[in-house]
Protein backbone atom coordinates (compact mmCIF):
# COMPACT_ATOMS: atom_id res chain seq x y z
CA MET A 1 53.88 15.97 -48.95
CA ALA A 2 57.37 17.10 -50.01
CA ALA A 3 58.02 20.83 -50.01
CA PHE A 4 58.58 21.04 -53.79
CA ASP A 5 55.75 18.78 -54.94
CA PHE A 6 53.30 20.61 -57.19
CA GLY A 7 50.33 18.95 -55.53
CA VAL A 8 47.66 16.70 -56.98
CA LYS A 9 44.59 17.20 -59.14
CA VAL A 10 41.49 16.33 -57.10
CA ASP A 11 38.29 15.00 -58.69
CA PRO A 12 35.99 18.08 -58.84
CA GLN A 13 32.98 15.86 -58.03
CA VAL A 14 34.28 15.74 -54.46
CA PHE A 15 33.01 19.31 -54.14
CA ASP A 16 29.68 18.91 -55.92
CA LYS A 17 27.66 19.62 -52.78
CA GLN A 18 29.60 22.76 -51.91
CA LEU A 19 29.59 23.98 -55.51
CA ASN A 20 25.85 23.52 -55.96
CA THR A 21 24.60 24.65 -52.55
CA PRO A 22 24.94 28.18 -51.16
CA CYS A 23 27.02 28.03 -47.99
CA VAL A 24 26.02 29.52 -44.66
CA LEU A 25 28.40 31.52 -42.48
CA ASN A 26 27.99 32.21 -38.78
CA VAL A 27 30.53 35.01 -38.44
CA GLN A 28 30.06 35.62 -34.74
CA GLU A 29 30.33 31.93 -33.84
CA HIS A 30 33.40 31.38 -36.00
CA ILE A 31 35.22 34.30 -34.39
CA LYS A 32 34.11 33.23 -30.91
CA HIS A 33 35.34 29.68 -31.55
CA GLY A 34 38.63 31.08 -32.87
CA TRP A 35 39.02 33.08 -29.66
CA GLU A 36 38.37 30.02 -27.52
CA MET A 37 40.91 28.02 -29.52
CA PHE A 38 43.47 30.78 -29.04
CA LYS A 39 42.87 31.01 -25.28
CA GLU A 40 43.47 27.29 -24.82
CA HIS A 41 46.85 27.51 -26.56
CA VAL A 42 47.82 31.14 -26.01
CA GLY A 43 51.51 30.41 -25.45
CA GLU A 44 51.93 28.46 -28.67
CA PHE A 45 50.01 30.96 -30.81
CA VAL A 46 51.70 34.06 -29.40
CA GLY A 47 55.14 32.45 -29.58
CA PHE A 48 54.66 31.44 -33.20
CA THR A 49 53.31 34.87 -34.14
CA LEU A 50 56.41 36.48 -32.66
CA ILE A 51 58.54 34.18 -34.81
CA VAL A 52 56.53 35.16 -37.90
CA PHE A 53 57.10 38.85 -37.13
CA VAL A 54 60.84 38.36 -36.65
CA ALA A 55 61.18 36.18 -39.75
CA TYR A 56 59.36 38.74 -41.89
CA ALA A 57 61.52 41.58 -40.56
CA VAL A 58 64.75 39.68 -41.15
CA ILE A 59 63.85 38.36 -44.61
CA SER A 60 62.63 41.74 -45.80
CA ARG A 61 66.03 43.21 -44.92
CA VAL A 62 68.38 40.56 -46.24
CA ALA A 63 66.54 38.85 -49.10
CA SER A 64 68.23 39.84 -52.34
CA ALA A 65 65.28 38.53 -54.35
CA GLY A 66 62.98 40.79 -52.36
CA SER A 67 59.28 40.16 -52.31
CA VAL A 68 59.49 36.85 -54.19
CA ILE A 69 61.38 35.14 -51.38
CA ILE A 70 59.33 36.92 -48.75
CA SER A 71 56.04 35.74 -50.28
CA GLY A 72 57.21 32.12 -50.36
CA VAL A 73 58.41 32.03 -46.77
CA VAL A 74 55.49 34.02 -45.36
CA ALA A 75 52.95 31.82 -47.17
CA SER A 76 54.48 28.72 -45.59
CA LEU A 77 54.71 30.32 -42.16
CA THR A 78 51.14 31.59 -42.12
CA ALA A 79 49.96 28.15 -43.26
CA GLY A 80 51.12 27.03 -39.83
CA TYR A 81 48.04 28.65 -38.31
CA ALA A 82 45.79 26.53 -40.53
CA ILE A 83 47.65 23.33 -39.65
CA ALA A 84 47.45 24.11 -35.94
CA ALA A 85 43.73 24.88 -36.22
CA PHE A 86 43.05 21.72 -38.23
CA ARG A 87 44.78 19.58 -35.62
CA LEU A 88 42.81 21.16 -32.79
CA LEU A 89 39.51 20.94 -34.69
CA SER A 90 40.10 17.23 -35.28
CA GLY A 91 40.88 16.61 -31.61
CA GLN A 92 44.60 16.03 -32.09
CA GLN A 93 47.34 17.23 -29.80
CA LEU A 94 49.09 20.42 -30.88
CA GLU A 95 52.86 20.57 -30.71
CA PHE A 96 54.84 23.73 -31.42
CA ALA A 97 56.65 22.02 -34.31
CA ASP A 98 53.28 21.64 -36.08
CA PHE A 99 53.27 25.37 -36.84
CA PHE A 100 56.22 24.90 -39.19
CA LYS A 101 54.71 22.10 -41.25
CA GLY A 102 53.44 24.66 -43.72
CA PHE A 103 56.84 24.34 -45.38
CA ASN A 104 55.79 20.83 -46.45
CA TYR A 105 53.50 22.63 -48.93
CA PHE A 106 56.00 25.32 -49.91
CA LEU A 107 55.74 25.16 -53.71
CA PRO A 108 51.94 25.12 -54.19
CA LEU A 109 51.51 27.78 -51.47
CA PHE A 110 54.20 29.89 -53.09
CA LEU A 111 52.66 29.54 -56.56
CA ALA A 112 49.19 30.33 -55.22
CA THR A 113 50.56 33.46 -53.56
CA LEU A 114 52.27 34.61 -56.76
CA ALA A 115 49.29 33.87 -59.00
CA GLY A 116 46.81 35.34 -56.52
CA SER A 117 48.88 38.51 -56.09
CA PHE A 118 49.18 38.95 -59.86
CA LEU A 119 45.43 38.54 -60.40
CA LEU A 120 44.62 40.83 -57.49
CA ILE A 121 46.83 43.57 -58.92
CA ILE A 122 45.08 43.25 -62.28
CA GLY A 123 41.71 43.22 -60.52
CA PHE A 124 42.43 46.37 -58.54
CA VAL A 125 43.69 48.12 -61.67
CA LEU A 126 40.38 47.23 -63.33
CA LEU A 127 38.18 49.52 -61.27
CA ILE A 128 39.05 47.93 -57.86
CA ILE A 129 35.87 45.83 -57.59
CA PRO A 130 37.31 42.75 -59.37
CA GLY A 131 40.27 42.89 -56.99
CA ILE A 132 38.00 42.94 -53.94
CA TYR A 133 36.01 40.06 -55.38
CA LEU A 134 39.13 37.91 -55.85
CA ALA A 135 40.65 38.84 -52.50
CA VAL A 136 37.58 37.39 -50.79
CA ALA A 137 37.05 34.50 -53.22
CA TYR A 138 40.53 33.05 -52.68
CA MET A 139 40.10 32.78 -48.89
CA PHE A 140 40.06 28.96 -48.87
CA THR A 141 42.98 28.44 -51.28
CA SER A 142 45.67 27.64 -48.72
CA PHE A 143 43.28 25.44 -46.73
CA LEU A 144 42.53 23.33 -49.82
CA ILE A 145 46.23 23.00 -50.62
CA ILE A 146 46.99 21.80 -47.10
CA ASP A 147 43.93 19.60 -46.63
CA TYR A 148 43.87 17.92 -50.06
CA ARG A 149 47.53 18.35 -51.12
CA MET A 150 45.88 20.11 -54.06
CA GLU A 151 47.75 21.84 -56.86
CA PHE A 152 47.58 25.62 -56.58
CA TRP A 153 45.39 26.58 -59.54
CA GLN A 154 42.66 24.07 -58.79
CA ALA A 155 42.70 25.19 -55.16
CA MET A 156 42.24 28.81 -56.23
CA GLU A 157 39.39 27.92 -58.58
CA ILE A 158 37.58 25.64 -56.12
CA SER A 159 37.83 28.32 -53.44
CA ARG A 160 36.55 30.99 -55.81
CA LYS A 161 33.60 28.93 -57.03
CA ILE A 162 32.48 27.86 -53.55
CA ILE A 163 32.79 31.32 -52.01
CA THR A 164 31.08 32.99 -54.97
CA LYS A 165 27.89 31.09 -54.03
CA ASN A 166 27.61 33.35 -50.98
CA TRP A 167 30.18 36.03 -51.73
CA VAL A 168 28.43 38.84 -49.87
CA ALA A 169 28.45 36.86 -46.62
CA PHE A 170 32.15 36.04 -47.10
CA PHE A 171 32.86 39.70 -47.78
CA GLY A 172 31.25 40.53 -44.44
CA PHE A 173 33.31 37.81 -42.76
CA SER A 174 36.52 39.07 -44.38
CA PHE A 175 35.71 42.63 -43.34
CA ALA A 176 35.13 41.50 -39.76
CA LEU A 177 38.49 39.71 -39.69
CA PHE A 178 40.18 42.77 -41.20
CA ALA A 179 38.57 45.06 -38.61
CA ILE A 180 39.75 42.82 -35.76
CA ASN A 181 43.32 42.89 -37.06
CA LEU A 182 43.11 46.65 -37.58
CA LEU A 183 42.22 47.02 -33.91
CA GLY A 184 45.20 44.84 -33.08
CA PHE A 185 47.45 47.07 -35.19
CA LEU A 186 46.15 50.23 -33.57
CA THR A 187 47.28 48.98 -30.15
CA PHE A 188 50.87 49.72 -31.22
CA GLY A 189 50.89 46.41 -33.08
CA VAL A 190 50.96 44.39 -29.86
CA GLY A 191 47.35 43.37 -30.29
CA LEU A 192 48.27 41.57 -33.50
CA LEU A 193 49.84 38.87 -31.36
CA VAL A 194 46.27 38.02 -30.41
CA THR A 195 44.20 39.09 -33.39
CA ILE A 196 46.24 37.36 -36.12
CA PRO A 197 45.94 33.85 -34.62
CA VAL A 198 42.30 34.42 -33.61
CA THR A 199 41.27 35.49 -37.11
CA ALA A 200 43.36 32.75 -38.73
CA CYS A 201 41.62 30.16 -36.58
CA ALA A 202 38.21 31.70 -37.36
CA ALA A 203 38.90 31.34 -41.11
CA ALA A 204 40.00 27.71 -40.62
CA ILE A 205 36.82 27.04 -38.66
CA ALA A 206 34.72 28.49 -41.48
CA TYR A 207 36.53 26.19 -43.92
CA ARG A 208 35.80 23.16 -41.72
CA GLU A 209 32.13 24.08 -41.38
CA ILE A 210 31.60 24.64 -45.09
CA ILE A 211 33.91 22.14 -46.80
CA GLY A 212 34.84 19.78 -43.98
CA LEU A 213 38.24 18.33 -43.17
CA TYR A 214 39.38 15.75 -45.69
CA SER A 215 42.73 14.67 -44.29
CA THR A 216 43.72 13.58 -40.78
CA GLU A 217 47.40 14.46 -41.16
CA TRP A 218 48.67 17.89 -42.11
């Protein structure tokens, strides 16, 4: 997929099973599996996370367009965790360059980030609860964009509809991932080098278990 392709419209019937059946989450197993994945490739994950930190610090200082540019670059960088996890989950070899393939999906990821941020702001203004609902419901958006080359709005809606079937469980999962990263932050931020890739892998594992992997190349 070229970086500035909008993505494709996927037949919604592909997701009939997920949309009509409440999904089941095994939070502890997903996090445990994410930890095991991280341990097997600790050098790659820590090295990439350091690059993400540096890139964010540099862009936030020099970007004249401010948060717009930052959101586009960060969305593509963080998508690298999903691509790495997908490759490992499908039994493929992981190369460090794979982490940067998120830029192949730059435009739909960027648009999803902008649209999601706008809707979250509106949701939080409207008594907070709608914002929390959407923050959880959009968890699978980037995974769908990467896995199906899906256009951003359909990815957001498919994610929201699937997760809404068992939103409370996903809220618990999201809270667990947040708590893990909070612990990483409290260790002077150093722990984030571990917790960010572990939680990113755990989310990718949940996606694979609930939706399945469609593509074999990301």
